[in-house]
Amino acid sequence: QPTELDALVFGHLFTILTTQLITDELSEKVKNYSNLTAFCRRI
């Protein structure tokens, strides 16, 4: 079951993954963890 932690983590990770910045260095840090990206897709 999701908790407020899931909502908070999703908010930040999804936004990092989908926001165009000067470089992709920030989103690459998240993409290194496949279970976190799968978590974002699931939510």
All heavy atoms as atom14 arrays in JSON, in Angstrom:
{
  "sequence": "QPTELDALVFGHLFTILTTQLITDELSEKVKNYSNLTAFCRRI",
  "atom14_mask": [
    [1, 1, 1, 1, 1, 1, 1, 1, 1, 0, 0, 0, 0, 0],
    [1, 1, 1, 1, 1, 1, 1, 0, 0, 0, 0, 0, 0, 0],
    [1, 1, 1, 1, 1, 1, 1, 0, 0, 0, 0, 0, 0, 0],
    [1, 1, 1, 1, 1, 1, 1, 1, 1, 0, 0, 0, 0, 0],
    [1, 1, 1, 1, 1, 1, 1, 1, 0, 0, 0, 0, 0, 0],
    [1, 1, 1, 1, 1, 1, 1, 1, 0, 0, 0, 0, 0, 0],
    [1, 1, 1, 1, 1, 0, 0, 0, 0, 0, 0, 0, 0, 0],
    [1, 1, 1, 1, 1, 1, 1, 1, 0, 0, 0, 0, 0, 0],
    [1, 1, 1, 1, 1, 1, 1, 0, 0, 0, 0, 0, 0, 0],
    [1, 1, 1, 1, 1, 1, 1, 1, 1, 1, 1, 0, 0, 0],
    [1, 1, 1, 1, 0, 0, 0, 0, 0, 0, 0, 0, 0, 0],
    [1, 1, 1, 1, 1, 1, 1, 1, 1, 1, 0, 0, 0, 0],
    [1, 1, 1, 1, 1, 1, 1, 1, 0, 0, 0, 0, 0, 0],
    [1, 1, 1, 1, 1, 1, 1, 1, 1, 1, 1, 0, 0, 0],
    [1, 1, 1, 1, 1, 1, 1, 0, 0, 0, 0, 0, 0, 0],
    [1, 1, 1, 1, 1, 1, 1, 1, 0, 0, 0, 0, 0, 0],
    [1, 1, 1, 1, 1, 1, 1, 1, 0, 0, 0, 0, 0, 0],
    [1, 1, 1, 1, 1, 1, 1, 0, 0, 0, 0, 0, 0, 0],
    [1, 1, 1, 1, 1, 1, 1, 0, 0, 0, 0, 0, 0, 0],
    [1, 1, 1, 1, 1, 1, 1, 1, 1, 0, 0, 0, 0, 0],
    [1, 1, 1, 1, 1, 1, 1, 1, 0, 0, 0, 0, 0, 0],
    [1, 1, 1, 1, 1, 1, 1, 1, 0, 0, 0, 0, 0, 0],
    [1, 1, 1, 1, 1, 1, 1, 0, 0, 0, 0, 0, 0, 0],
    [1, 1, 1, 1, 1, 1, 1, 1, 0, 0, 0, 0, 0, 0],
    [1, 1, 1, 1, 1, 1, 1, 1, 1, 0, 0, 0, 0, 0],
    [1, 1, 1, 1, 1, 1, 1, 1, 0, 0, 0, 0, 0, 0],
    [1, 1, 1, 1, 1, 1, 0, 0, 0, 0, 0, 0, 0, 0],
    [1, 1, 1, 1, 1, 1, 1, 1, 1, 0, 0, 0, 0, 0],
    [1, 1, 1, 1, 1, 1, 1, 1, 1, 0, 0, 0, 0, 0],
    [1, 1, 1, 1, 1, 1, 1, 0, 0, 0, 0, 0, 0, 0],
    [1, 1, 1, 1, 1, 1, 1, 1, 1, 0, 0, 0, 0, 0],
    [1, 1, 1, 1, 1, 1, 1, 1, 0, 0, 0, 0, 0, 0],
    [1, 1, 1, 1, 1, 1, 1, 1, 1, 1, 1, 1, 0, 0],
    [1, 1, 1, 1, 1, 1, 0, 0, 0, 0, 0, 0, 0, 0],
    [1, 1, 1, 1, 1, 1, 1, 1, 0, 0, 0, 0, 0, 0],
    [1, 1, 1, 1, 1, 1, 1, 1, 0, 0, 0, 0, 0, 0],
    [1, 1, 1, 1, 1, 1, 1, 0, 0, 0, 0, 0, 0, 0],
    [1, 1, 1, 1, 1, 0, 0, 0, 0, 0, 0, 0, 0, 0],
    [1, 1, 1, 1, 1, 1, 1, 1, 1, 1, 1, 0, 0, 0],
    [1, 1, 1, 1, 1, 1, 0, 0, 0, 0, 0, 0, 0, 0],
    [1, 1, 1, 1, 1, 1, 1, 1, 1, 1, 1, 0, 0, 0],
    [1, 1, 1, 1, 1, 1, 1, 1, 1, 1, 1, 0, 0, 0],
    [1, 1, 1, 1, 1, 1, 1, 1, 0, 0, 0, 0, 0, 0]
  ],
  "atom14_positions": [
    [[0.84, -1.2, 0.0], [0.0, 0.0, 0.0], [0.87, 1.25, 0.0], [1.86, 1.31, 0.73], [-0.91, 0.01, 1.24], [-1.93, -1.1, 1.29], [-2.9, -1.06, 0.11], [-3.29, 0.0, -0.35], [-3.25, -2.23, -0.41], [0.0, 0.0, 0.0], [0.0, 0.0, 0.0], [0.0, 0.0, 0.0], [0.0, 0.0, 0.0], [0.0, 0.0, 0.0]],
    [[0.51, 2.27, -0.79], [1.32, 3.49, -0.8], [1.12, 4.31, 0.48], [0.05, 4.26, 1.1], [0.8, 4.25, -2.02], [-0.61, 3.8, -2.18], [-0.63, 2.36, -1.73], [0.0, 0.0, 0.0], [0.0, 0.0, 0.0], [0.0, 0.0, 0.0], [0.0, 0.0, 0.0], [0.0, 0.0, 0.0], [0.0, 0.0, 0.0], [0.0, 0.0, 0.0]],
    [[2.15, 5.03, 0.87], [2.07, 5.97, 1.99], [2.49, 7.34, 1.46], [2.84, 7.49, 0.29], [3.02, 5.58, 3.13], [4.37, 5.65, 2.63], [2.73, 4.17, 3.65], [0.0, 0.0, 0.0], [0.0, 0.0, 0.0], [0.0, 0.0, 0.0], [0.0, 0.0, 0.0], [0.0, 0.0, 0.0], [0.0, 0.0, 0.0], [0.0, 0.0, 0.0]],
    [[2.5, 8.34, 2.35], [2.94, 9.67, 1.94], [4.4, 9.68, 1.48], [4.79, 10.52, 0.67], [2.69, 10.72, 3.02], [3.05, 10.33, 4.42], [1.86, 9.79, 5.22], [1.08, 8.97, 4.68], [1.72, 10.18, 6.39], [0.0, 0.0, 0.0], [0.0, 0.0, 0.0], [0.0, 0.0, 0.0], [0.0, 0.0, 0.0], [0.0, 0.0, 0.0]],
    [[5.2, 8.72, 1.96], [6.58, 8.62, 1.48], [6.59, 8.31, -0.02], [7.37, 8.91, -0.77], [7.34, 7.53, 2.24], [8.75, 7.2, 1.71], [9.68, 8.41, 1.81], [9.34, 6.0, 2.47], [0.0, 0.0, 0.0], [0.0, 0.0, 0.0], [0.0, 0.0, 0.0], [0.0, 0.0, 0.0], [0.0, 0.0, 0.0], [0.0, 0.0, 0.0]],
    [[5.72, 7.4, -0.46], [5.66, 7.07, -1.89], [5.27, 8.29, -2.72], [5.84, 8.52, -3.79], [4.64, 5.94, -2.11], [5.06, 4.65, -1.43], [5.89, 3.92, -1.99], [4.59, 4.4, -0.3], [0.0, 0.0, 0.0], [0.0, 0.0, 0.0], [0.0, 0.0, 0.0], [0.0, 0.0, 0.0], [0.0, 0.0, 0.0], [0.0, 0.0, 0.0]],
    [[4.34, 9.07, -2.2], [3.92, 10.29, -2.92], [5.07, 11.28, -3.03], [5.31, 11.86, -4.1], [2.72, 10.93, -2.2], [0.0, 0.0, 0.0], [0.0, 0.0, 0.0], [0.0, 0.0, 0.0], [0.0, 0.0, 0.0], [0.0, 0.0, 0.0], [0.0, 0.0, 0.0], [0.0, 0.0, 0.0], [0.0, 0.0, 0.0], [0.0, 0.0, 0.0]],
    [[5.79, 11.46, -1.93], [6.91, 12.41, -1.91], [8.03, 11.98, -2.85], [8.53, 12.77, -3.65], [7.44, 12.56, -0.49], [8.62, 13.53, -0.31], [8.2, 14.96, -0.6], [9.2, 13.42, 1.11], [0.0, 0.0, 0.0], [0.0, 0.0, 0.0], [0.0, 0.0, 0.0], [0.0, 0.0, 0.0], [0.0, 0.0, 0.0], [0.0, 0.0, 0.0]],
    [[8.42, 10.71, -2.76], [9.5, 10.19, -3.61], [9.09, 10.28, -5.08], [9.87, 10.73, -5.93], [9.86, 8.74, -3.23], [10.84, 8.14, -4.24], [10.46, 8.7, -1.83], [0.0, 0.0, 0.0], [0.0, 0.0, 0.0], [0.0, 0.0, 0.0], [0.0, 0.0, 0.0], [0.0, 0.0, 0.0], [0.0, 0.0, 0.0], [0.0, 0.0, 0.0]],
    [[7.85, 9.89, -5.39], [7.38, 9.97, -6.77], [7.45, 11.41, -7.29], [7.93, 11.66, -8.4], [5.95, 9.44, -6.88], [5.32, 9.71, -8.22], [5.69, 8.97, -9.33], [4.39, 10.73, -8.39], [5.13, 9.22, -10.59], [3.83, 10.99, -9.63], [4.21, 10.24, -10.73], [0.0, 0.0, 0.0], [0.0, 0.0, 0.0], [0.0, 0.0, 0.0]],
    [[6.95, 12.35, -6.49], [6.94, 13.75, -6.93], [8.32, 14.22, -7.36], [8.48, 14.83, -8.42], [0.0, 0.0, 0.0], [0.0, 0.0, 0.0], [0.0, 0.0, 0.0], [0.0, 0.0, 0.0], [0.0, 0.0, 0.0], [0.0, 0.0, 0.0], [0.0, 0.0, 0.0], [0.0, 0.0, 0.0], [0.0, 0.0, 0.0], [0.0, 0.0, 0.0]],
    [[9.32, 13.91, -6.54], [10.67, 14.38, -6.85], [11.32, 13.57, -7.96], [11.88, 14.15, -8.9], [11.53, 14.36, -5.58], [11.2, 15.49, -4.66], [11.7, 16.76, -4.81], [10.37, 15.56, -3.58], [11.22, 17.55, -3.88], [10.4, 16.85, -3.13], [0.0, 0.0, 0.0], [0.0, 0.0, 0.0], [0.0, 0.0, 0.0], [0.0, 0.0, 0.0]],
    [[11.27, 12.26, -7.88], [11.96, 11.45, -8.89], [11.33, 11.6, -10.28], [12.02, 11.73, -11.28], [12.0, 9.97, -8.49], [12.79, 9.64, -7.23], [12.9, 8.12, -7.07], [14.18, 10.26, -7.23], [0.0, 0.0, 0.0], [0.0, 0.0, 0.0], [0.0, 0.0, 0.0], [0.0, 0.0, 0.0], [0.0, 0.0, 0.0], [0.0, 0.0, 0.0]],
    [[10.0, 11.59, -10.34], [9.33, 11.73, -11.64], [9.69, 13.08, -12.27], [9.96, 13.17, -13.47], [7.82, 11.6, -11.5], [7.1, 11.59, -12.83], [6.8, 10.39, -13.46], [6.75, 12.78, -13.47], [6.16, 10.38, -14.7], [6.11, 12.78, -14.7], [5.81, 11.57, -15.31], [0.0, 0.0, 0.0], [0.0, 0.0, 0.0], [0.0, 0.0, 0.0]],
    [[9.69, 14.13, -11.45], [9.98, 15.47, -11.99], [11.43, 15.56, -12.46], [11.72, 16.13, -13.51], [9.67, 16.54, -10.94], [8.32, 16.37, -10.48], [9.8, 17.94, -11.52], [0.0, 0.0, 0.0], [0.0, 0.0, 0.0], [0.0, 0.0, 0.0], [0.0, 0.0, 0.0], [0.0, 0.0, 0.0], [0.0, 0.0, 0.0], [0.0, 0.0, 0.0]],
    [[12.34, 14.97, -11.7], [13.76, 14.94, -12.13], [13.9, 14.19, -13.45], [14.61, 14.63, -14.36], [14.64, 14.31, -11.03], [14.79, 15.27, -9.84], [16.02, 13.93, -11.58], [15.44, 14.65, -8.61], [0.0, 0.0, 0.0], [0.0, 0.0, 0.0], [0.0, 0.0, 0.0], [0.0, 0.0, 0.0], [0.0, 0.0, 0.0], [0.0, 0.0, 0.0]],
    [[13.19, 13.07, -13.57], [13.3, 12.25, -14.78], [12.69, 12.9, -16.01], [13.08, 12.59, -17.14], [12.62, 10.89, -14.54], [13.37, 9.9, -13.65], [12.46, 8.76, -13.23], [14.62, 9.36, -14.34], [0.0, 0.0, 0.0], [0.0, 0.0, 0.0], [0.0, 0.0, 0.0], [0.0, 0.0, 0.0], [0.0, 0.0, 0.0], [0.0, 0.0, 0.0]],
    [[11.75, 13.8, -15.82], [10.99, 14.32, -16.97], [11.22, 15.82, -17.22], [10.53, 16.41, -18.05], [9.48, 14.07, -16.78], [9.06, 14.66, -15.56], [9.16, 12.6, -16.8], [0.0, 0.0, 0.0], [0.0, 0.0, 0.0], [0.0, 0.0, 0.0], [0.0, 0.0, 0.0], [0.0, 0.0, 0.0], [0.0, 0.0, 0.0], [0.0, 0.0, 0.0]],
    [[12.14, 16.44, -16.51], [12.4, 17.87, -16.7], [13.68, 18.08, -17.5], [14.72, 17.52, -17.16], [12.5, 18.58, -15.34], [11.27, 18.41, -14.63], [12.76, 20.07, -15.52], [0.0, 0.0, 0.0], [0.0, 0.0, 0.0], [0.0, 0.0, 0.0], [0.0, 0.0, 0.0], [0.0, 0.0, 0.0], [0.0, 0.0, 0.0], [0.0, 0.0, 0.0]],
    [[13.57, 18.88, -18.54], [14.74, 19.19, -19.37], [15.6, 20.24, -18.68], [15.14, 21.35, -18.44], [14.28, 19.72, -20.74], [15.41, 19.92, -21.72], [15.98, 18.58, -22.21], [15.25, 17.78, -22.77], [17.25, 18.34, -21.96], [0.0, 0.0, 0.0], [0.0, 0.0, 0.0], [0.0, 0.0, 0.0], [0.0, 0.0, 0.0], [0.0, 0.0, 0.0]],
    [[16.82, 19.87, -18.36], [17.77, 20.81, -17.76], [18.92, 21.03, -18.74], [18.9, 20.55, -19.87], [18.27, 20.26, -16.42], [17.2, 20.1, -15.33], [17.75, 19.34, -14.14], [16.65, 21.46, -14.89], [0.0, 0.0, 0.0], [0.0, 0.0, 0.0], [0.0, 0.0, 0.0], [0.0, 0.0, 0.0], [0.0, 0.0, 0.0], [0.0, 0.0, 0.0]],
    [[19.95, 21.76, -18.3], [21.1, 22.03, -19.17], [21.78, 20.73, -19.58], [22.15, 20.52, -20.73], [22.12, 22.95, -18.45], [21.45, 24.28, -18.04], [23.33, 23.22, -19.34], [20.95, 25.13, -19.17], [0.0, 0.0, 0.0], [0.0, 0.0, 0.0], [0.0, 0.0, 0.0], [0.0, 0.0, 0.0], [0.0, 0.0, 0.0], [0.0, 0.0, 0.0]],
    [[21.96, 19.85, -18.61], [22.51, 18.52, -18.9], [21.59, 17.47, -18.27], [20.7, 17.8, -17.51], [23.93, 18.33, -18.3], [23.81, 18.18, -16.87], [24.84, 19.51, -18.62], [0.0, 0.0, 0.0], [0.0, 0.0, 0.0], [0.0, 0.0, 0.0], [0.0, 0.0, 0.0], [0.0, 0.0, 0.0], [0.0, 0.0, 0.0], [0.0, 0.0, 0.0]],
    [[21.85, 16.21, -18.59], [21.05, 15.1, -18.03], [21.7, 14.49, -16.79], [21.28, 13.41, -16.35], [20.85, 14.01, -19.09], [19.89, 14.44, -20.18], [19.05, 15.32, -19.91], [19.99, 13.92, -21.3], [0.0, 0.0, 0.0], [0.0, 0.0, 0.0], [0.0, 0.0, 0.0], [0.0, 0.0, 0.0], [0.0, 0.0, 0.0], [0.0, 0.0, 0.0]],
    [[22.69, 15.17, -16.22], [23.44, 14.56, -15.1], [22.54, 14.21, -13.92], [22.71, 13.16, -13.3], [24.54, 15.52, -14.63], [25.7, 15.66, -15.59], [26.71, 16.68, -15.1], [26.35, 17.86, -14.94], [27.87, 16.28, -14.85], [0.0, 0.0, 0.0], [0.0, 0.0, 0.0], [0.0, 0.0, 0.0], [0.0, 0.0, 0.0], [0.0, 0.0, 0.0]],
    [[21.58, 15.09, -13.61], [20.71, 14.83, -12.46], [19.81, 13.63, -12.74], [19.72, 12.71, -11.91], [19.87, 16.08, -12.15], [18.99, 16.0, -10.9], [19.82, 15.81, -9.64], [18.12, 17.26, -10.78], [0.0, 0.0, 0.0], [0.0, 0.0, 0.0], [0.0, 0.0, 0.0], [0.0, 0.0, 0.0], [0.0, 0.0, 0.0], [0.0, 0.0, 0.0]],
    [[19.15, 13.61, -13.9], [18.24, 12.48, -14.2], [19.0, 11.16, -14.35], [18.48, 10.1, -14.01], [17.41, 12.77, -15.45], [18.23, 12.98, -16.57], [0.0, 0.0, 0.0], [0.0, 0.0, 0.0], [0.0, 0.0, 0.0], [0.0, 0.0, 0.0], [0.0, 0.0, 0.0], [0.0, 0.0, 0.0], [0.0, 0.0, 0.0], [0.0, 0.0, 0.0]],
    [[20.25, 11.24, -14.81], [21.06, 10.02, -14.94], [21.28, 9.34, -13.59], [21.37, 8.12, -13.51], [22.39, 10.32, -15.62], [22.3, 10.63, -17.11], [21.69, 9.51, -17.94], [21.93, 8.34, -17.63], [20.95, 9.82, -18.9], [0.0, 0.0, 0.0], [0.0, 0.0, 0.0], [0.0, 0.0, 0.0], [0.0, 0.0, 0.0], [0.0, 0.0, 0.0]],
    [[21.4, 10.14, -12.54], [21.6, 9.57, -11.19], [20.4, 8.7, -10.81], [20.55, 7.64, -10.21], [21.78, 10.69, -10.15], [23.06, 11.5, -10.31], [24.29, 10.65, -10.09], [25.57, 11.45, -10.24], [26.77, 10.59, -10.28], [0.0, 0.0, 0.0], [0.0, 0.0, 0.0], [0.0, 0.0, 0.0], [0.0, 0.0, 0.0], [0.0, 0.0, 0.0]],
    [[19.19, 9.15, -11.16], [17.98, 8.38, -10.85], [17.88, 7.15, -11.75], [17.53, 6.06, -11.3], [16.72, 9.26, -11.0], [15.46, 8.45, -10.65], [16.81, 10.5, -10.11], [0.0, 0.0, 0.0], [0.0, 0.0, 0.0], [0.0, 0.0, 0.0], [0.0, 0.0, 0.0], [0.0, 0.0, 0.0], [0.0, 0.0, 0.0], [0.0, 0.0, 0.0]],
    [[18.23, 7.34, -13.02], [18.11, 6.23, -13.99], [19.04, 5.06, -13.67], [18.83, 3.96, -14.15], [18.41, 6.74, -15.4], [17.3, 7.58, -15.99], [17.69, 8.05, -17.38], [16.67, 9.03, -17.92], [17.14, 9.68, -19.14], [0.0, 0.0, 0.0], [0.0, 0.0, 0.0], [0.0, 0.0, 0.0], [0.0, 0.0, 0.0], [0.0, 0.0, 0.0]],
    [[20.06, 5.3, -12.85], [20.96, 4.22, -12.45], [20.25, 3.17, -11.6], [20.78, 2.08, -11.39], [22.15, 4.78, -11.65], [23.15, 5.51, -12.54], [23.21, 5.22, -13.74], [23.9, 6.44, -11.98], [0.0, 0.0, 0.0], [0.0, 0.0, 0.0], [0.0, 0.0, 0.0], [0.0, 0.0, 0.0], [0.0, 0.0, 0.0], [0.0, 0.0, 0.0]],
    [[19.07, 3.52, -11.08], [18.35, 2.61, -10.17], [17.04, 2.19, -10.85], [16.05, 2.9, -10.83], [18.09, 3.32, -8.83], [19.38, 3.7, -8.15], [19.92, 4.98, -8.32], [20.08, 2.78, -7.37], [21.13, 5.33, -7.73], [21.29, 3.12, -6.78], [21.8, 4.39, -6.96], [23.0, 4.74, -6.37], [0.0, 0.0, 0.0], [0.0, 0.0, 0.0]],
    [[17.07, 1.0, -11.46], [15.94, 0.56, -12.27], [14.67, 0.38, -11.45], [13.56, 0.59, -11.94], [16.27, -0.74, -13.01], [16.64, -1.75, -12.08], [0.0, 0.0, 0.0], [0.0, 0.0, 0.0], [0.0, 0.0, 0.0], [0.0, 0.0, 0.0], [0.0, 0.0, 0.0], [0.0, 0.0, 0.0], [0.0, 0.0, 0.0], [0.0, 0.0, 0.0]],
    [[14.82, 0.0, -10.16], [13.6, -0.19, -9.36], [12.93, 1.16, -9.06], [11.71, 1.24, -8.9], [13.85, -1.0, -8.09], [14.78, -0.32, -7.1], [15.6, 0.54, -7.47], [14.7, -0.72, -5.84], [0.0, 0.0, 0.0], [0.0, 0.0, 0.0], [0.0, 0.0, 0.0], [0.0, 0.0, 0.0], [0.0, 0.0, 0.0], [0.0, 0.0, 0.0]],
    [[13.71, 2.25, -9.0], [13.12, 3.57, -8.77], [12.39, 4.08, -10.01], [11.31, 4.68, -9.91], [14.19, 4.58, -8.34], [14.86, 4.32, -6.98], [15.88, 5.41, -6.67], [13.82, 4.23, -5.84], [0.0, 0.0, 0.0], [0.0, 0.0, 0.0], [0.0, 0.0, 0.0], [0.0, 0.0, 0.0], [0.0, 0.0, 0.0], [0.0, 0.0, 0.0]],
    [[12.97, 3.85, -11.19], [12.28, 4.29, -12.41], [11.02, 3.45, -12.64], [9.98, 3.98, -13.05], [13.2, 4.22, -13.65], [13.73, 2.9, -13.78], [14.36, 5.2, -13.53], [0.0, 0.0, 0.0], [0.0, 0.0, 0.0], [0.0, 0.0, 0.0], [0.0, 0.0, 0.0], [0.0, 0.0, 0.0], [0.0, 0.0, 0.0], [0.0, 0.0, 0.0]],
    [[11.09, 2.15, -12.33], [9.9, 1.29, -12.45], [8.81, 1.74, -11.47], [7.61, 1.73, -11.79], [10.27, -0.17, -12.19], [0.0, 0.0, 0.0], [0.0, 0.0, 0.0], [0.0, 0.0, 0.0], [0.0, 0.0, 0.0], [0.0, 0.0, 0.0], [0.0, 0.0, 0.0], [0.0, 0.0, 0.0], [0.0, 0.0, 0.0], [0.0, 0.0, 0.0]],
    [[9.23, 2.14, -10.27], [8.32, 2.67, -9.24], [7.59, 3.9, -9.78], [6.37, 4.03, -9.63], [9.16, 3.0, -7.99], [8.48, 3.86, -6.97], [7.62, 3.31, -6.04], [8.73, 5.23, -6.92], [7.01, 4.11, -5.07], [8.13, 6.04, -5.96], [7.26, 5.48, -5.05], [0.0, 0.0, 0.0], [0.0, 0.0, 0.0], [0.0, 0.0, 0.0]],
    [[8.33, 4.82, -10.41], [7.72, 6.03, -10.97], [6.72, 5.69, -12.07], [5.62, 6.26, -12.12], [8.8, 6.97, -11.52], [9.79, 7.78, -10.24], [0.0, 0.0, 0.0], [0.0, 0.0, 0.0], [0.0, 0.0, 0.0], [0.0, 0.0, 0.0], [0.0, 0.0, 0.0], [0.0, 0.0, 0.0], [0.0, 0.0, 0.0], [0.0, 0.0, 0.0]],
    [[7.09, 4.76, -12.94], [6.17, 4.35, -14.02], [4.89, 3.75, -13.44], [3.79, 4.01, -13.92], [6.85, 3.32, -14.94], [7.72, 3.94, -16.02], [8.05, 2.92, -17.1], [8.8, 1.78, -16.59], [10.13, 1.74, -16.48], [10.85, 2.79, -16.82], [10.73, 0.66, -16.02], [0.0, 0.0, 0.0], [0.0, 0.0, 0.0], [0.0, 0.0, 0.0]],
    [[5.07, 2.93, -12.4], [3.92, 2.25, -11.78], [2.94, 3.28, -11.21], [1.72, 3.18, -11.41], [4.44, 1.32, -10.68], [3.47, 0.28, -10.2], [4.16, -0.88, -9.53], [5.14, -0.5, -8.52], [6.45, -0.73, -8.62], [6.95, -1.32, -9.69], [7.27, -0.36, -7.66], [0.0, 0.0, 0.0], [0.0, 0.0, 0.0], [0.0, 0.0, 0.0]],
    [[3.45, 4.26, -10.49], [2.56, 5.27, -9.88], [1.94, 6.15, -10.96], [0.76, 6.5, -10.88], [3.33, 6.1, -8.83], [3.62, 5.21, -7.62], [2.52, 7.34, -8.42], [4.22, 5.9, -6.43], [0.0, 0.0, 0.0], [0.0, 0.0, 0.0], [0.0, 0.0, 0.0], [0.0, 0.0, 0.0], [0.0, 0.0, 0.0], [0.0, 0.0, 0.0]]
  ]
}
